């Protein structure tokens, strides 16, 4: 039986610092990769991760896992806390994986050469980035960047991962911009009508004395 090695990786942010062990306050914890997460593999095709299972084996640039989440309680997100595991069966090479939110790259990590030994590779850490607006809907994607040569092994993603999306603005029920414009127009109209009525009353009051003098 081969020894099981545990290796920890940090998520590497593009252009910003990464803090391992930091756990921002969040309300958007998502099961990713998890049961039902879709995967695409040039080797085995497409499918979804089953309960307690894994994605298909991946060894080609463009292979990916992907899932869209709705009802996330943030209008925008600016950081993540991630914790998930990969089966690392690479032999003679490493594999870089880029993480995307709504198609925007927010970081990456590298799965090391396992020397042909099937290894559990946990990935854990936090990443911070410029706010990404999703209004409660966020697509999470992880895409392989390298193509592994023949007999170079593969990786796959395990069920049970967790991504916590963090943001400073919570989603609330507010009128749409068009509705706001209409409301604004209505307020302006009401003000104009009041001004016209007020001017009419003033004009009538000014005319009455003169009318009274003509009647005498």
Protein backbone atom coordinates (compact mmCIF):
# COMPACT_ATOMS: atom_id res chain seq x y z
CA UNK A 1 0.00 0.00 0.00
CA UNK A 2 1.38 3.39 -0.99
CA UNK A 3 1.85 6.02 1.70
CA UNK A 4 -0.67 8.86 1.65
CA UNK A 5 1.09 12.20 1.68
CA UNK A 6 -0.69 15.38 2.71
CA UNK A 7 0.53 18.54 1.04
CA UNK A 8 -0.94 21.99 1.64
CA UNK A 9 -1.09 24.68 -1.03
CA UNK A 10 -1.80 28.38 -0.89
CA UNK A 11 -4.04 30.05 -3.41
CA UNK A 12 -1.86 32.55 -5.27
CA UNK A 13 -3.57 35.82 -6.12
CA UNK A 14 -2.73 37.76 -9.22
CA UNK A 15 -1.20 41.06 -8.15
CA UNK A 16 -2.22 40.91 -4.48
CA UNK A 17 -1.15 39.26 -1.28
CA UNK A 18 -2.58 36.00 0.02
CA UNK A 19 -3.21 35.33 3.68
CA UNK A 20 -3.26 31.73 4.76
CA UNK A 21 -5.30 30.92 7.80
CA UNK A 22 -7.35 34.14 7.62
CA UNK A 23 -11.09 33.55 7.75
CA UNK A 24 -13.08 36.65 6.76
CA UNK A 25 -16.65 36.97 8.00
CA UNK A 26 -18.91 35.57 5.34
CA UNK A 27 -22.44 34.51 4.55
CA UNK A 28 -21.91 32.88 1.17
CA UNK A 29 -20.53 29.39 1.92
CA UNK A 30 -20.88 27.21 -1.21
CA UNK A 31 -20.22 23.50 -1.74
CA UNK A 32 -17.62 23.63 -4.50
CA UNK A 33 -16.37 21.37 -5.86
CA UNK A 34 -19.27 19.30 -4.59
CA UNK A 35 -22.08 16.95 -5.47
CA UNK A 36 -23.52 18.07 -8.80
CA UNK A 37 -20.53 20.19 -9.86
CA UNK A 38 -20.06 19.83 -13.61
CA UNK A 39 -16.72 18.79 -15.06
CA UNK A 40 -15.23 18.72 -18.54
CA UNK A 41 -12.31 16.44 -19.36
CA UNK A 42 -10.65 15.87 -22.72
CA UNK A 43 -9.94 12.33 -21.54
CA UNK A 44 -13.31 11.15 -20.21
CA UNK A 45 -15.78 13.75 -21.47
CA UNK A 46 -18.33 15.62 -19.38
CA UNK A 47 -20.29 14.73 -16.27
CA UNK A 48 -21.07 15.76 -12.70
CA UNK A 49 -19.43 14.86 -9.42
CA UNK A 50 -21.42 12.22 -7.54
CA UNK A 51 -21.86 12.14 -3.75
CA UNK A 52 -18.55 11.08 -2.23
CA UNK A 53 -17.02 10.82 -5.70
CA UNK A 54 -14.65 12.76 -7.92
CA UNK A 55 -14.61 14.52 -11.23
CA UNK A 56 -13.26 12.68 -14.24
CA UNK A 57 -9.49 12.47 -14.54
CA UNK A 58 -7.93 15.60 -16.03
CA UNK A 59 -4.62 16.13 -17.77
CA UNK A 60 -5.30 18.61 -20.59
CA UNK A 61 -5.26 22.42 -20.65
CA UNK A 62 -8.88 23.57 -20.61
CA UNK A 63 -10.20 20.70 -18.49
CA UNK A 64 -12.39 22.22 -15.79
CA UNK A 65 -14.94 22.04 -13.00
CA UNK A 66 -17.74 24.61 -13.01
CA UNK A 67 -20.91 25.50 -11.12
CA UNK A 68 -23.21 28.52 -10.97
CA UNK A 69 -24.75 29.51 -7.63
CA UNK A 70 -27.77 31.77 -7.16
CA UNK A 71 -29.15 33.36 -4.03
CA UNK A 72 -25.73 34.29 -2.66
CA UNK A 73 -26.39 37.10 -0.14
CA UNK A 74 -23.98 39.60 -1.68
CA UNK A 75 -24.40 42.08 -4.51
CA UNK A 76 -20.62 41.93 -4.96
CA UNK A 77 -17.77 39.80 -3.61
CA UNK A 78 -14.19 40.81 -2.87
CA UNK A 79 -12.61 37.75 -1.25
CA UNK A 80 -12.90 34.00 -0.86
CA UNK A 81 -11.96 31.37 1.69
CA UNK A 82 -11.44 28.00 0.00
CA UNK A 83 -10.94 24.47 1.28
CA UNK A 84 -11.05 21.49 -1.07
CA UNK A 85 -9.06 18.42 -2.09
CA UNK A 86 -7.56 17.07 -5.29
CA UNK A 87 -6.35 13.58 -6.13
CA UNK A 88 -2.81 14.11 -7.41
CA UNK A 89 -1.56 11.30 -9.63
CA UNK A 90 0.95 13.38 -11.59
CA UNK A 91 4.14 11.67 -12.66
CA UNK A 92 7.03 13.84 -13.77
CA UNK A 93 5.23 17.18 -14.06
CA UNK A 94 3.09 19.70 -12.19
CA UNK A 95 -0.26 21.28 -13.07
CA UNK A 96 -1.36 24.90 -12.64
CA UNK A 97 -5.05 25.58 -12.04
CA UNK A 98 -6.65 29.04 -12.33
CA UNK A 99 -9.74 30.00 -10.31
CA UNK A 100 -12.42 32.22 -11.86
CA UNK A 101 -15.49 33.99 -10.51
CA UNK A 102 -17.95 35.06 -13.20
CA UNK A 103 -15.21 34.63 -15.78
CA UNK A 104 -12.71 36.81 -13.92
CA UNK A 105 -9.43 35.25 -12.80
CA UNK A 106 -8.96 35.76 -9.07
CA UNK A 107 -6.07 33.40 -8.31
CA UNK A 108 -4.27 30.15 -9.05
CA UNK A 109 -2.51 27.22 -7.41
CA UNK A 110 -0.09 24.55 -8.57
CA UNK A 111 -0.50 20.82 -8.03
CA UNK A 112 3.01 19.36 -7.65
CA UNK A 113 4.52 16.26 -9.16
CA UNK A 114 3.47 13.29 -7.01
CA UNK A 115 6.11 11.01 -8.47
CA UNK A 116 3.52 8.58 -9.74
CA UNK A 117 2.09 8.02 -6.24
CA UNK A 118 -1.66 8.72 -5.91
CA UNK A 119 -1.64 11.57 -3.39
CA UNK A 120 -4.33 13.55 -1.60
CA UNK A 121 -3.57 17.23 -2.20
CA UNK A 122 -5.61 19.63 0.00
CA UNK A 123 -5.88 23.27 -1.07
CA UNK A 124 -6.75 25.82 1.60
CA UNK A 125 -6.43 29.57 1.92
CA UNK A 126 -7.99 32.99 1.40
CA UNK A 127 -7.75 35.38 -1.53
CA UNK A 128 -8.63 39.06 -1.88
CA UNK A 129 -9.42 40.94 -5.09
CA UNK A 130 -11.26 43.90 -6.60
CA UNK A 131 -15.05 43.62 -6.11
CA UNK A 132 -16.88 41.43 -8.60
CA UNK A 133 -20.53 42.34 -9.05
CA UNK A 134 -22.89 39.41 -9.41
CA UNK A 135 -26.05 40.57 -7.64
CA UNK A 136 -26.39 37.22 -5.90
CA UNK A 137 -25.37 35.00 -8.85
CA UNK A 138 -21.80 33.69 -9.08
CA UNK A 139 -20.20 31.14 -11.39
CA UNK A 140 -17.18 29.36 -9.92
CA UNK A 141 -14.74 27.73 -12.33
CA UNK A 142 -11.35 26.06 -12.02
CA UNK A 143 -9.45 25.44 -15.27
CA UNK A 144 -6.26 23.46 -15.90
CA UNK A 145 -3.53 25.43 -17.67
CA UNK A 146 -1.09 22.67 -18.68
CA UNK A 147 -1.37 19.60 -20.86
CA UNK A 148 0.32 16.57 -19.33
CA UNK A 149 2.22 14.32 -21.71
CA UNK A 150 1.67 10.57 -22.16
CA UNK A 151 2.19 8.61 -18.93
CA UNK A 152 2.38 11.94 -17.08
CA UNK A 153 -0.53 11.14 -14.82
CA UNK A 154 -3.62 13.21 -14.01
CA UNK A 155 -5.55 15.05 -11.31
CA UNK A 156 -9.21 15.05 -10.30
CA UNK A 157 -11.38 17.09 -7.95
CA UNK A 158 -13.05 15.49 -4.92
CA UNK A 159 -16.58 16.02 -3.61
CA UNK A 160 -16.78 17.95 -0.33
CA UNK A 161 -15.07 21.22 -1.21
CA UNK A 162 -16.10 24.58 0.19
CA UNK A 163 -15.81 28.12 -1.15
CA UNK A 164 -16.94 30.96 1.12
CA UNK A 165 -17.64 34.13 -0.85
CA UNK A 166 -17.26 37.32 1.13
CA UNK A 167 -18.61 40.75 0.34
CA UNK A 168 -19.42 44.05 1.95
CA UNK A 169 -22.74 44.73 0.24
CA UNK A 170 -25.68 42.45 0.93
CA UNK A 171 -28.44 41.91 -1.61
CA UNK A 172 -31.62 43.79 -0.70
CA UNK A 173 -34.93 44.31 -2.44
CA UNK A 174 -34.63 47.70 -4.10
CA UNK A 175 -36.50 49.18 -7.08
CA UNK A 176 -34.91 48.62 -10.47
CA UNK A 177 -33.17 51.67 -12.03
CA UNK A 178 -36.06 52.13 -14.46
CA UNK A 179 -38.52 52.07 -11.57
CA UNK A 180 -36.40 54.59 -9.69
CA UNK A 181 -36.46 56.86 -12.75
CA UNK A 182 -40.22 56.59 -12.96
CA UNK A 183 -40.57 57.32 -9.27
CA UNK A 184 -38.31 60.33 -9.69
CA UNK A 185 -40.40 61.58 -12.61
CA UNK A 186 -43.54 61.15 -10.54
CA UNK A 187 -42.09 63.17 -7.68
CA UNK A 188 -41.02 65.95 -10.04
CA UNK A 189 -44.49 65.94 -11.64
CA UNK A 190 -46.18 66.18 -8.25
CA UNK A 191 -43.95 69.12 -7.28
CA UNK A 192 -44.72 70.93 -10.54
CA UNK A 193 -48.46 70.37 -10.09
CA UNK A 194 -48.27 71.75 -6.55
CA UNK A 195 -46.36 74.80 -7.78
CA UNK A 196 -48.93 75.44 -10.51
CA UNK A 197 -51.80 75.16 -8.04
CA UNK A 198 -50.03 77.49 -5.61
CA UNK A 199 -49.36 80.04 -8.35
CA UNK A 200 -53.02 79.81 -9.44
CA UNK A 201 -54.22 80.50 -5.90
CA UNK A 202 -51.88 83.49 -5.55
CA UNK A 203 -53.04 84.89 -8.89
CA UNK A 204 -56.71 84.51 -7.89
CA UNK A 205 -56.10 86.18 -4.57
CA UNK A 206 -54.39 89.10 -6.33
CA UNK A 207 -57.22 89.47 -8.86
CA UNK A 208 -60.12 89.39 -6.38
CA UNK A 209 -59.66 92.87 -4.88
CA UNK A 210 -59.57 94.48 -8.30
CA UNK A 211 -62.65 92.58 -9.35
CA UNK A 212 -64.46 93.71 -6.20
CA UNK A 213 -63.65 97.41 -6.91
CA UNK A 214 -65.11 97.08 -10.44
CA UNK A 215 -68.35 95.67 -9.06
CA UNK A 216 -68.98 98.62 -6.73
